[in-house]
Amino acid sequence: MSIDPGADEAARIDAAFIDAFETLAEYERRSLAHVAGLPEQLQAAGLWRGIGFRIGQRKLVSNYEAVAEILTVPQITPVPGAHSWMLGVANVRSNLLPVVDLKQFLEGARSVLHEGHQKVMVLRQPGGDVAVTIDELYGQRSFMDEQQVEPEGLADGRYAGFIDRAYRVADDVWGVFSLDRLVRTPEFRHAAV
């Protein structure tokens, strides 16, 4: 029998600590035993996934591989002698990124930039990345082959070279916008006037 009450208290604390540690270790063992597949591994036949966004009134979706990251519109420094759709350059983690107003490039109408809310998609392209403004970001979108429809009015005007198919979900038609074709377009690659 222990005469020191502090020793009994220390023993109880040690036992509680060991029980808590064993419980956490058991949680870890269970979580490692049940590893869910990553989104890119969970491909069902006939399923296509992409990043959904809006330019003007058009709901668009693009392939994940073309997008390096999505950011809030950074501070932009104008570049003299560039087309009006070339907003300027931004310093993102010590990398200078050209920033393009995608709506103005495609539709001729300038985007209204909302600081702190509007997003840019950083696109991979040969020779360095480029950021394009989008009006709204919807995040991941998934479509089945049976939802595929003709792009109808989505592929009118300058969009025609970048949209070749679409998907209908409920009342919304999503045009599949090729960011790869966009960054290879000669006009897009030469922003100087």
N, C-alpha and C. Protein backbone atom coordinates (compact mmCIF):
# COMPACT_ATOMS: atom_id res chain seq x y z
N MET A 1 0.84 -1.17 0.00
CA MET A 1 0.00 0.00 0.00
C MET A 1 0.88 1.23 0.00
N SER A 2 0.56 2.17 -0.87
CA SER A 2 1.37 3.38 -1.00
C SER A 2 0.94 4.40 0.02
N ILE A 3 1.93 4.99 0.66
CA ILE A 3 1.66 6.03 1.64
C ILE A 3 1.63 7.39 0.96
N ASP A 4 2.33 7.53 -0.16
CA ASP A 4 2.42 8.81 -0.86
C ASP A 4 1.23 8.96 -1.82
N PRO A 5 0.27 9.88 -1.53
CA PRO A 5 -0.87 10.06 -2.43
C PRO A 5 -0.45 10.62 -3.79
N GLY A 6 0.65 11.34 -3.87
CA GLY A 6 1.14 11.88 -5.14
C GLY A 6 1.57 10.77 -6.09
N ALA A 7 2.11 9.68 -5.54
CA ALA A 7 2.55 8.56 -6.37
C ALA A 7 1.34 7.88 -7.02
N ASP A 8 0.24 7.73 -6.25
CA ASP A 8 -0.97 7.13 -6.82
C ASP A 8 -1.52 7.99 -7.96
N GLU A 9 -1.52 9.31 -7.75
CA GLU A 9 -2.00 10.23 -8.78
C GLU A 9 -1.13 10.15 -10.03
N ALA A 10 0.18 10.08 -9.86
CA ALA A 10 1.10 9.98 -10.99
C ALA A 10 0.87 8.68 -11.75
N ALA A 11 0.61 7.59 -11.05
CA ALA A 11 0.36 6.31 -11.69
C ALA A 11 -0.93 6.37 -12.51
N ARG A 12 -1.98 7.03 -11.97
CA ARG A 12 -3.24 7.16 -12.71
C ARG A 12 -3.04 8.01 -13.97
N ILE A 13 -2.26 9.08 -13.88
CA ILE A 13 -2.00 9.93 -15.04
C ILE A 13 -1.23 9.15 -16.09
N ASP A 14 -0.21 8.37 -15.65
CA ASP A 14 0.55 7.56 -16.60
C ASP A 14 -0.35 6.54 -17.30
N ALA A 15 -1.25 5.91 -16.56
CA ALA A 15 -2.16 4.92 -17.15
C ALA A 15 -3.10 5.59 -18.15
N ALA A 16 -3.61 6.77 -17.81
CA ALA A 16 -4.51 7.50 -18.72
C ALA A 16 -3.77 7.91 -19.99
N PHE A 17 -2.51 8.34 -19.84
CA PHE A 17 -1.71 8.73 -21.00
C PHE A 17 -1.48 7.54 -21.91
N ILE A 18 -1.14 6.39 -21.31
CA ILE A 18 -0.89 5.19 -22.10
C ILE A 18 -2.17 4.77 -22.82
N ASP A 19 -3.32 4.82 -22.13
CA ASP A 19 -4.60 4.47 -22.77
C ASP A 19 -4.90 5.42 -23.93
N ALA A 20 -4.68 6.70 -23.74
CA ALA A 20 -4.94 7.68 -24.81
C ALA A 20 -4.01 7.43 -25.99
N PHE A 21 -2.75 7.15 -25.71
CA PHE A 21 -1.80 6.89 -26.79
C PHE A 21 -2.19 5.63 -27.56
N GLU A 22 -2.57 4.57 -26.83
CA GLU A 22 -2.98 3.33 -27.49
C GLU A 22 -4.24 3.55 -28.34
N THR A 23 -5.15 4.38 -27.85
CA THR A 23 -6.36 4.70 -28.63
C THR A 23 -5.99 5.41 -29.92
N LEU A 24 -5.11 6.39 -29.84
CA LEU A 24 -4.67 7.11 -31.04
C LEU A 24 -3.94 6.18 -32.01
N ALA A 25 -3.10 5.31 -31.47
CA ALA A 25 -2.38 4.36 -32.32
C ALA A 25 -3.36 3.42 -33.03
N GLU A 26 -4.43 3.00 -32.32
CA GLU A 26 -5.45 2.15 -32.95
C GLU A 26 -6.18 2.91 -34.06
N TYR A 27 -6.50 4.18 -33.83
CA TYR A 27 -7.12 5.01 -34.88
C TYR A 27 -6.23 5.08 -36.11
N GLU A 28 -4.93 5.25 -35.88
CA GLU A 28 -4.00 5.33 -37.00
C GLU A 28 -3.97 4.01 -37.77
N ARG A 29 -3.92 2.88 -37.06
CA ARG A 29 -3.90 1.57 -37.72
C ARG A 29 -5.16 1.39 -38.58
N ARG A 30 -6.31 1.77 -38.04
CA ARG A 30 -7.57 1.63 -38.79
C ARG A 30 -7.59 2.53 -40.03
N SER A 31 -7.13 3.76 -39.87
CA SER A 31 -7.16 4.68 -41.01
C SER A 31 -6.21 4.23 -42.11
N LEU A 32 -5.06 3.68 -41.74
CA LEU A 32 -4.12 3.19 -42.74
C LEU A 32 -4.62 1.92 -43.42
N ALA A 33 -5.43 1.14 -42.71
CA ALA A 33 -5.98 -0.08 -43.30
C ALA A 33 -7.08 0.24 -44.30
N HIS A 34 -7.71 1.41 -44.16
CA HIS A 34 -8.81 1.80 -45.06
C HIS A 34 -8.38 3.05 -45.83
N VAL A 35 -7.63 2.85 -46.91
CA VAL A 35 -7.18 3.97 -47.73
C VAL A 35 -8.10 4.07 -48.94
N ALA A 36 -8.85 5.14 -49.00
CA ALA A 36 -9.73 5.37 -50.15
C ALA A 36 -8.89 5.79 -51.34
N GLY A 37 -9.36 5.50 -52.52
CA GLY A 37 -8.64 5.90 -53.73
C GLY A 37 -8.67 7.41 -53.90
N LEU A 38 -7.66 7.93 -54.54
CA LEU A 38 -7.62 9.36 -54.86
C LEU A 38 -8.64 9.64 -55.95
N PRO A 39 -9.10 10.90 -56.06
CA PRO A 39 -10.12 11.21 -57.07
C PRO A 39 -9.74 10.75 -58.47
N GLU A 40 -8.47 10.91 -58.85
CA GLU A 40 -8.09 10.50 -60.19
C GLU A 40 -8.08 8.98 -60.35
N GLN A 41 -8.09 8.24 -59.21
CA GLN A 41 -8.13 6.79 -59.29
C GLN A 41 -9.57 6.27 -59.30
N LEU A 42 -10.51 7.11 -58.97
CA LEU A 42 -11.91 6.70 -58.89
C LEU A 42 -12.62 6.98 -60.20
N GLN A 43 -12.10 6.45 -61.28
CA GLN A 43 -12.68 6.69 -62.60
C GLN A 43 -13.68 5.60 -62.94
N ALA A 44 -14.88 6.00 -63.18
CA ALA A 44 -15.90 5.07 -63.67
C ALA A 44 -15.91 5.18 -65.19
N ALA A 45 -16.33 4.12 -65.84
CA ALA A 45 -16.41 4.14 -67.30
C ALA A 45 -17.40 5.23 -67.73
N GLY A 46 -16.99 6.05 -68.68
CA GLY A 46 -17.86 7.09 -69.19
C GLY A 46 -17.94 8.34 -68.34
N LEU A 47 -17.07 8.46 -67.35
CA LEU A 47 -17.07 9.63 -66.46
C LEU A 47 -15.95 10.58 -66.86
N TRP A 48 -16.28 11.87 -66.97
CA TRP A 48 -15.27 12.89 -67.25
C TRP A 48 -15.36 13.96 -66.17
N ARG A 49 -14.22 14.39 -65.64
CA ARG A 49 -14.18 15.40 -64.58
C ARG A 49 -13.34 16.57 -65.01
N GLY A 50 -13.72 17.74 -64.52
CA GLY A 50 -12.96 18.94 -64.81
C GLY A 50 -13.25 20.03 -63.80
N ILE A 51 -12.67 21.19 -64.05
CA ILE A 51 -12.86 22.36 -63.18
C ILE A 51 -13.91 23.26 -63.82
N GLY A 52 -14.98 23.54 -63.08
CA GLY A 52 -16.06 24.36 -63.59
C GLY A 52 -15.86 25.83 -63.26
N PHE A 53 -16.15 26.70 -64.24
CA PHE A 53 -16.03 28.14 -64.04
C PHE A 53 -16.97 28.87 -64.98
N ARG A 54 -17.11 30.16 -64.78
CA ARG A 54 -17.99 30.96 -65.63
C ARG A 54 -17.22 32.13 -66.21
N ILE A 55 -17.45 32.38 -67.52
CA ILE A 55 -16.95 33.57 -68.21
C ILE A 55 -18.19 34.23 -68.81
N GLY A 56 -18.49 35.44 -68.39
CA GLY A 56 -19.72 36.08 -68.85
C GLY A 56 -20.91 35.24 -68.46
N GLN A 57 -21.75 34.87 -69.43
CA GLN A 57 -22.93 34.04 -69.15
C GLN A 57 -22.67 32.55 -69.42
N ARG A 58 -21.47 32.22 -69.87
CA ARG A 58 -21.18 30.83 -70.24
C ARG A 58 -20.61 30.05 -69.06
N LYS A 59 -21.21 28.88 -68.81
CA LYS A 59 -20.65 27.95 -67.83
C LYS A 59 -19.73 27.02 -68.60
N LEU A 60 -18.49 26.98 -68.15
CA LEU A 60 -17.46 26.21 -68.85
C LEU A 60 -16.80 25.24 -67.88
N VAL A 61 -16.15 24.25 -68.43
CA VAL A 61 -15.39 23.29 -67.64
C VAL A 61 -14.15 22.93 -68.44
N SER A 62 -13.02 22.79 -67.74
CA SER A 62 -11.75 22.48 -68.41
C SER A 62 -11.04 21.35 -67.69
N ASN A 63 -10.15 20.71 -68.42
CA ASN A 63 -9.37 19.60 -67.91
C ASN A 63 -8.46 20.04 -66.77
N TYR A 64 -8.33 19.19 -65.76
CA TYR A 64 -7.48 19.49 -64.61
C TYR A 64 -6.01 19.70 -64.97
N GLU A 65 -5.51 18.92 -65.90
CA GLU A 65 -4.08 18.94 -66.19
C GLU A 65 -3.58 20.29 -66.67
N ALA A 66 -4.44 21.09 -67.27
CA ALA A 66 -4.02 22.39 -67.80
C ALA A 66 -3.91 23.45 -66.71
N VAL A 67 -4.51 23.21 -65.54
CA VAL A 67 -4.56 24.21 -64.48
C VAL A 67 -3.53 23.87 -63.40
N ALA A 68 -2.59 24.79 -63.19
CA ALA A 68 -1.56 24.58 -62.17
C ALA A 68 -2.12 24.89 -60.79
N GLU A 69 -2.87 25.99 -60.68
CA GLU A 69 -3.48 26.37 -59.40
C GLU A 69 -4.55 27.43 -59.64
N ILE A 70 -5.32 27.69 -58.61
CA ILE A 70 -6.36 28.72 -58.64
C ILE A 70 -6.09 29.66 -57.48
N LEU A 71 -6.05 30.96 -57.80
CA LEU A 71 -5.72 31.98 -56.80
C LEU A 71 -6.74 33.10 -56.81
N THR A 72 -6.78 33.84 -55.70
CA THR A 72 -7.50 35.11 -55.70
C THR A 72 -6.71 36.07 -56.57
N VAL A 73 -7.39 36.99 -57.25
CA VAL A 73 -6.69 37.92 -58.16
C VAL A 73 -5.57 38.62 -57.39
N PRO A 74 -4.33 38.46 -57.84
CA PRO A 74 -3.21 39.12 -57.17
C PRO A 74 -3.11 40.59 -57.60
N GLN A 75 -2.22 41.32 -56.95
CA GLN A 75 -1.96 42.70 -57.37
C GLN A 75 -1.30 42.66 -58.74
N ILE A 76 -1.83 43.47 -59.66
CA ILE A 76 -1.37 43.44 -61.05
C ILE A 76 -0.69 44.75 -61.40
N THR A 77 0.48 44.64 -62.04
CA THR A 77 1.20 45.81 -62.54
C THR A 77 1.00 45.87 -64.05
N PRO A 78 0.41 46.97 -64.56
CA PRO A 78 0.17 47.06 -66.01
C PRO A 78 1.47 47.02 -66.81
N VAL A 79 1.36 46.51 -68.03
CA VAL A 79 2.49 46.44 -68.95
C VAL A 79 2.19 47.34 -70.14
N PRO A 80 3.01 48.39 -70.36
CA PRO A 80 2.75 49.27 -71.51
C PRO A 80 2.97 48.54 -72.83
N GLY A 81 2.22 48.95 -73.84
CA GLY A 81 2.39 48.38 -75.17
C GLY A 81 1.75 47.02 -75.35
N ALA A 82 0.84 46.64 -74.45
CA ALA A 82 0.17 45.34 -74.55
C ALA A 82 -1.29 45.54 -74.94
N HIS A 83 -1.89 44.48 -75.49
CA HIS A 83 -3.32 44.52 -75.80
C HIS A 83 -4.10 44.79 -74.52
N SER A 84 -5.30 45.32 -74.66
CA SER A 84 -6.11 45.67 -73.49
C SER A 84 -6.50 44.44 -72.67
N TRP A 85 -6.56 43.27 -73.29
CA TRP A 85 -6.90 42.06 -72.55
C TRP A 85 -5.72 41.56 -71.71
N MET A 86 -4.53 42.06 -71.98
CA MET A 86 -3.36 41.72 -71.17
C MET A 86 -3.33 42.71 -70.01
N LEU A 87 -3.81 42.27 -68.84
CA LEU A 87 -3.94 43.18 -67.70
C LEU A 87 -2.59 43.61 -67.14
N GLY A 88 -1.59 42.76 -67.25
CA GLY A 88 -0.27 43.09 -66.73
C GLY A 88 0.40 41.85 -66.17
N VAL A 89 1.30 42.07 -65.22
CA VAL A 89 2.00 40.96 -64.58
C VAL A 89 1.77 41.01 -63.08
N ALA A 90 1.83 39.85 -62.46
CA ALA A 90 1.67 39.74 -61.02
C ALA A 90 2.83 38.94 -60.45
N ASN A 91 3.27 39.32 -59.27
CA ASN A 91 4.33 38.60 -58.58
C ASN A 91 3.66 37.58 -57.66
N VAL A 92 3.78 36.31 -58.03
CA VAL A 92 3.20 35.24 -57.23
C VAL A 92 4.33 34.35 -56.74
N ARG A 93 4.61 34.45 -55.45
CA ARG A 93 5.70 33.68 -54.83
C ARG A 93 7.00 33.84 -55.61
N SER A 94 7.34 35.07 -55.91
CA SER A 94 8.58 35.46 -56.59
C SER A 94 8.64 35.00 -58.05
N ASN A 95 7.51 34.67 -58.63
CA ASN A 95 7.42 34.35 -60.06
C ASN A 95 6.52 35.38 -60.72
N LEU A 96 6.99 35.98 -61.82
CA LEU A 96 6.16 36.93 -62.55
C LEU A 96 5.23 36.17 -63.48
N LEU A 97 3.94 36.43 -63.32
CA LEU A 97 2.93 35.78 -64.15
C LEU A 97 2.21 36.82 -64.98
N PRO A 98 2.12 36.63 -66.30
CA PRO A 98 1.24 37.49 -67.08
C PRO A 98 -0.20 37.20 -66.67
N VAL A 99 -1.03 38.24 -66.58
CA VAL A 99 -2.44 38.07 -66.20
C VAL A 99 -3.30 38.55 -67.36
N VAL A 100 -4.16 37.67 -67.86
CA VAL A 100 -5.00 37.95 -69.02
C VAL A 100 -6.47 37.99 -68.58
N ASP A 101 -7.18 39.01 -69.07
CA ASP A 101 -8.63 39.09 -68.88
C ASP A 101 -9.25 38.18 -69.94
N LEU A 102 -9.60 36.97 -69.54
CA LEU A 102 -10.08 35.97 -70.50
C LEU A 102 -11.39 36.42 -71.15
N LYS A 103 -12.25 37.07 -70.39
CA LYS A 103 -13.52 37.54 -70.96
C LYS A 103 -13.26 38.57 -72.06
N GLN A 104 -12.33 39.48 -71.83
CA GLN A 104 -12.04 40.49 -72.84
C GLN A 104 -11.37 39.86 -74.06
N PHE A 105 -10.50 38.89 -73.84
CA PHE A 105 -9.85 38.21 -74.96
C PHE A 105 -10.88 37.51 -75.84
N LEU A 106 -11.88 36.87 -75.22
CA LEU A 106 -12.86 36.09 -75.97
C LEU A 106 -14.06 36.89 -76.46
N GLU A 107 -14.53 37.83 -75.64
CA GLU A 107 -15.78 38.53 -75.95
C GLU A 107 -15.59 40.00 -76.27
N GLY A 108 -14.42 40.55 -75.95
CA GLY A 108 -14.19 41.97 -76.18
C GLY A 108 -14.72 42.86 -75.06
N ALA A 109 -15.36 42.27 -74.06
CA ALA A 109 -15.90 43.03 -72.92
C ALA A 109 -15.01 42.80 -71.71
N ARG A 110 -14.58 43.89 -71.09
CA ARG A 110 -13.67 43.80 -69.95
C ARG A 110 -14.38 43.23 -68.72
N SER A 111 -13.68 42.38 -67.98
CA SER A 111 -14.20 41.85 -66.72
C SER A 111 -14.15 42.93 -65.66
N VAL A 112 -15.13 42.90 -64.78
CA VAL A 112 -15.11 43.79 -63.62
C VAL A 112 -14.40 43.00 -62.52
N LEU A 113 -13.23 43.49 -62.11
CA LEU A 113 -12.45 42.77 -61.11
C LEU A 113 -12.94 43.12 -59.71
N HIS A 114 -13.22 42.10 -58.92
CA HIS A 114 -13.65 42.27 -57.54
C HIS A 114 -12.52 41.78 -56.65
N GLU A 115 -11.74 42.71 -56.12
CA GLU A 115 -10.58 42.31 -55.30
C GLU A 115 -11.03 41.48 -54.11
N GLY A 116 -10.28 40.43 -53.86
CA GLY A 116 -10.55 39.57 -52.73
C GLY A 116 -11.56 38.47 -53.01
N HIS A 117 -12.32 38.58 -54.10
CA HIS A 117 -13.34 37.58 -54.40
C HIS A 117 -13.10 36.88 -55.73
N GLN A 118 -12.67 37.61 -56.72
CA GLN A 118 -12.51 37.03 -58.05
C GLN A 118 -11.26 36.16 -58.10
N LYS A 119 -11.32 35.15 -58.94
CA LYS A 119 -10.23 34.18 -59.04
C LYS A 119 -9.52 34.28 -60.38
N VAL A 120 -8.29 33.78 -60.37
CA VAL A 120 -7.55 33.55 -61.60
C VAL A 120 -7.14 32.08 -61.61
N MET A 121 -7.11 31.51 -62.81
CA MET A 121 -6.58 30.16 -62.97
C MET A 121 -5.19 30.31 -63.56
N VAL A 122 -4.22 29.68 -62.94
CA VAL A 122 -2.86 29.69 -63.45
C VAL A 122 -2.72 28.48 -64.37
N LEU A 123 -2.42 28.77 -65.64
CA LEU A 123 -2.36 27.73 -66.67
C LEU A 123 -0.92 27.40 -67.01
N ARG A 124 -0.68 26.14 -67.24
CA ARG A 124 0.64 25.71 -67.71
C ARG A 124 0.71 25.98 -69.22
N GLN A 125 1.83 26.53 -69.64
CA GLN A 125 2.05 26.73 -71.08
C GLN A 125 3.55 26.68 -71.33
N PRO A 126 3.95 26.33 -72.53
CA PRO A 126 5.38 26.32 -72.85
C PRO A 126 5.97 27.71 -72.65
N GLY A 127 7.10 27.78 -71.98
CA GLY A 127 7.76 29.06 -71.77
C GLY A 127 7.36 29.75 -70.48
N GLY A 128 6.46 29.18 -69.70
CA GLY A 128 6.07 29.79 -68.43
C GLY A 128 4.56 29.85 -68.27
N ASP A 129 4.13 29.86 -67.03
CA ASP A 129 2.71 29.87 -66.73
C ASP A 129 2.08 31.23 -67.01
N VAL A 130 0.75 31.25 -67.12
CA VAL A 130 -0.01 32.48 -67.34
C VAL A 130 -1.28 32.37 -66.50
N ALA A 131 -1.74 33.50 -65.96
CA ALA A 131 -2.98 33.53 -65.18
C ALA A 131 -4.08 34.15 -66.02
N VAL A 132 -5.27 33.55 -65.97
CA VAL A 132 -6.43 34.11 -66.67
C VAL A 132 -7.54 34.36 -65.66
N THR A 133 -8.21 35.51 -65.81
CA THR A 133 -9.32 35.83 -64.90
C THR A 133 -10.54 35.01 -65.29
N ILE A 134 -11.31 34.63 -64.28
CA ILE A 134 -12.60 33.99 -64.50
C ILE A 134 -13.62 34.75 -63.67
N ASP A 135 -14.87 34.74 -64.12
CA ASP A 135 -15.90 35.48 -63.40
C ASP A 135 -16.39 34.75 -62.16
N GLU A 136 -16.41 33.43 -62.21
CA GLU A 136 -16.86 32.66 -61.06
C GLU A 136 -16.26 31.27 -61.14
N LEU A 137 -15.92 30.71 -59.97
CA LEU A 137 -15.35 29.37 -59.89
C LEU A 137 -16.39 28.44 -59.28
N TYR A 138 -16.64 27.31 -59.94
CA TYR A 138 -17.61 26.33 -59.43
C TYR A 138 -16.93 25.10 -58.83
N GLY A 139 -15.64 24.92 -59.06
CA GLY A 139 -14.94 23.77 -58.52
C GLY A 139 -15.09 22.55 -59.41
N GLN A 140 -14.89 21.37 -58.82
CA GLN A 140 -14.91 20.13 -59.59
C GLN A 140 -16.32 19.84 -60.11
N ARG A 141 -16.38 19.41 -61.35
CA ARG A 141 -17.64 18.98 -61.96
C ARG A 141 -17.40 17.63 -62.63
N SER A 142 -18.40 16.75 -62.50
CA SER A 142 -18.32 15.41 -63.10
C SER A 142 -19.47 15.23 -64.07
N PHE A 143 -19.17 14.58 -65.20
CA PHE A 143 -20.17 14.38 -66.25
C PHE A 143 -20.08 12.95 -66.77
N MET A 144 -21.22 12.41 -67.13
CA MET A 144 -21.29 11.09 -67.73
C MET A 144 -21.46 11.24 -69.24
N ASP A 145 -21.03 10.23 -69.99
CA ASP A 145 -21.13 10.27 -71.46
C ASP A 145 -22.55 10.56 -71.93
N GLU A 146 -23.54 9.99 -71.25
CA GLU A 146 -24.93 10.18 -71.69
C GLU A 146 -25.43 11.61 -71.49
N GLN A 147 -24.68 12.45 -70.77
CA GLN A 147 -25.05 13.85 -70.58
C GLN A 147 -24.47 14.75 -71.69
N GLN A 148 -23.68 14.16 -72.58
CA GLN A 148 -23.04 14.96 -73.64
C GLN A 148 -24.08 15.44 -74.65
N VAL A 149 -23.97 16.72 -75.01
CA VAL A 149 -24.87 17.35 -75.98
C VAL A 149 -24.03 18.22 -76.92
N GLU A 150 -24.69 18.74 -77.95
CA GLU A 150 -24.01 19.69 -78.84
C GLU A 150 -23.80 21.00 -78.08
N PRO A 151 -22.70 21.71 -78.35
CA PRO A 151 -22.42 22.94 -77.60
C PRO A 151 -23.39 24.09 -77.87
N GLU A 152 -24.26 23.94 -78.87
CA GLU A 152 -25.26 24.97 -79.20
C GLU A 152 -24.62 26.35 -79.26
N GLY A 153 -25.18 27.33 -78.57
CA GLY A 153 -24.68 28.71 -78.62
C GLY A 153 -23.41 28.94 -77.83
N LEU A 154 -22.97 27.95 -77.05
CA LEU A 154 -21.75 28.13 -76.25
C LEU A 154 -20.52 28.32 -77.12
N ALA A 155 -20.53 27.72 -78.31
CA ALA A 155 -19.35 27.75 -79.17
C ALA A 155 -19.44 28.83 -80.24
N ASP A 156 -20.23 29.86 -80.01
CA ASP A 156 -20.33 30.96 -80.97
C ASP A 156 -19.14 31.91 -80.86
N GLY A 157 -18.87 32.63 -81.93
CA GLY A 157 -17.82 33.65 -81.93
C GLY A 157 -16.45 33.08 -81.66
N ARG A 158 -15.68 33.77 -80.83
CA ARG A 158 -14.30 33.35 -80.54
C ARG A 158 -14.24 32.06 -79.74
N TYR A 159 -15.35 31.70 -79.11
CA TYR A 159 -15.37 30.46 -78.34
C TYR A 159 -15.30 29.23 -79.25
N ALA A 160 -15.65 29.39 -80.52
CA ALA A 160 -15.74 28.25 -81.45
C ALA A 160 -14.44 27.45 -81.51
N GLY A 161 -13.31 28.10 -81.44
CA GLY A 161 -12.04 27.40 -81.52
C GLY A 161 -11.64 26.67 -80.25
N PHE A 162 -12.41 26.87 -79.18
CA PHE A 162 -12.01 26.30 -77.90
C PHE A 162 -13.03 25.34 -77.29
N ILE A 163 -14.26 25.34 -77.82
CA ILE A 163 -15.32 24.45 -77.29
C ILE A 163 -15.76 23.52 -78.41
N ASP A 164 -15.62 22.21 -78.18
CA ASP A 164 -16.07 21.27 -79.21
C ASP A 164 -17.12 20.29 -78.70
N ARG A 165 -17.41 20.32 -77.41
CA ARG A 165 -18.47 19.48 -76.87
C ARG A 165 -19.02 20.13 -75.60
N ALA A 166 -20.14 19.61 -75.13
CA ALA A 166 -20.78 20.16 -73.94
C ALA A 166 -21.52 19.04 -73.21
N TYR A 167 -21.88 19.32 -71.97
CA TYR A 167 -22.66 18.39 -71.16
C TYR A 167 -23.84 19.13 -70.56
N ARG A 168 -25.00 18.45 -70.54
CA ARG A 168 -26.19 19.04 -69.92
C ARG A 168 -26.43 18.36 -68.58
N VAL A 169 -26.54 19.19 -67.53
CA VAL A 169 -26.89 18.72 -66.20
C VAL A 169 -28.05 19.59 -65.74
N ALA A 170 -29.21 18.96 -65.58
CA ALA A 170 -30.44 19.69 -65.24
C ALA A 170 -30.67 20.76 -66.31
N ASP A 171 -30.76 22.02 -65.91
CA ASP A 171 -31.00 23.10 -66.88
C ASP A 171 -29.72 23.75 -67.38
N ASP A 172 -28.57 23.32 -66.87
CA ASP A 172 -27.30 23.94 -67.23
C ASP A 172 -26.58 23.16 -68.32
N VAL A 173 -26.04 23.91 -69.28
CA VAL A 173 -25.19 23.31 -70.31
C VAL A 173 -23.77 23.82 -70.07
N TRP A 174 -22.84 22.89 -69.90
CA TRP A 174 -21.44 23.21 -69.61
C TRP A 174 -20.61 22.94 -70.85
N GLY A 175 -19.96 23.97 -71.39
CA GLY A 175 -19.08 23.80 -72.53
C GLY A 175 -17.70 23.36 -72.07
N VAL A 176 -17.14 22.36 -72.73
CA VAL A 176 -15.78 21.90 -72.41
C VAL A 176 -14.81 22.81 -73.14
N PHE A 177 -14.13 23.66 -72.38
CA PHE A 177 -13.25 24.69 -72.91
C PHE A 177 -11.82 24.18 -72.88
N SER A 178 -11.15 24.18 -74.04
CA SER A 178 -9.78 23.67 -74.14
C SER A 178 -8.77 24.77 -73.78
N LEU A 179 -8.24 24.70 -72.57
CA LEU A 179 -7.21 25.65 -72.16
C LEU A 179 -5.91 25.39 -72.91
N ASP A 180 -5.68 24.13 -73.30
CA ASP A 180 -4.48 23.80 -74.08
C ASP A 180 -4.49 24.53 -75.42
N ARG A 181 -5.65 24.52 -76.09
CA ARG A 181 -5.75 25.25 -77.37
C ARG A 181 -5.61 26.75 -77.15
N LEU A 182 -6.16 27.24 -76.05
CA LEU A 182 -6.07 28.68 -75.76
C LEU A 182 -4.61 29.11 -75.67
N VAL A 183 -3.80 28.40 -74.88
CA VAL A 183 -2.41 28.83 -74.68
C VAL A 183 -1.55 28.61 -75.92
N ARG A 184 -2.02 27.83 -76.89
CA ARG A 184 -1.28 27.64 -78.15
C ARG A 184 -1.72 28.61 -79.23
N THR A 185 -2.78 29.37 -78.98
CA THR A 185 -3.29 30.33 -79.96
C THR A 185 -2.26 31.43 -80.17
N PRO A 186 -1.83 31.71 -81.42
CA PRO A 186 -0.81 32.73 -81.65
C PRO A 186 -1.17 34.10 -81.06
N GLU A 187 -2.40 34.54 -81.20
CA GLU A 187 -2.78 35.85 -80.65
C GLU A 187 -2.63 35.88 -79.13
N PHE A 188 -2.99 34.79 -78.47
CA PHE A 188 -2.88 34.72 -77.01
C PHE A 188 -1.42 34.76 -76.57
N ARG A 189 -0.56 34.14 -77.35
CA ARG A 189 0.86 34.07 -77.00
C ARG A 189 1.60 35.37 -77.27
N HIS A 190 1.03 36.26 -78.11
CA HIS A 190 1.70 37.52 -78.44
C HIS A 190 0.81 38.67 -78.01
N ALA A 191 0.99 39.10 -76.78
CA ALA A 191 0.11 40.12 -76.20
C ALA A 191 0.54 41.54 -76.55
N ALA A 192 1.69 41.70 -77.19
CA ALA A 192 2.15 43.05 -77.54
C ALA A 192 1.32 43.62 -78.68
N VAL A 193 1.10 44.95 -78.64
CA VAL A 193 0.33 45.62 -79.70
C VAL A 193 1.23 45.83 -80.90
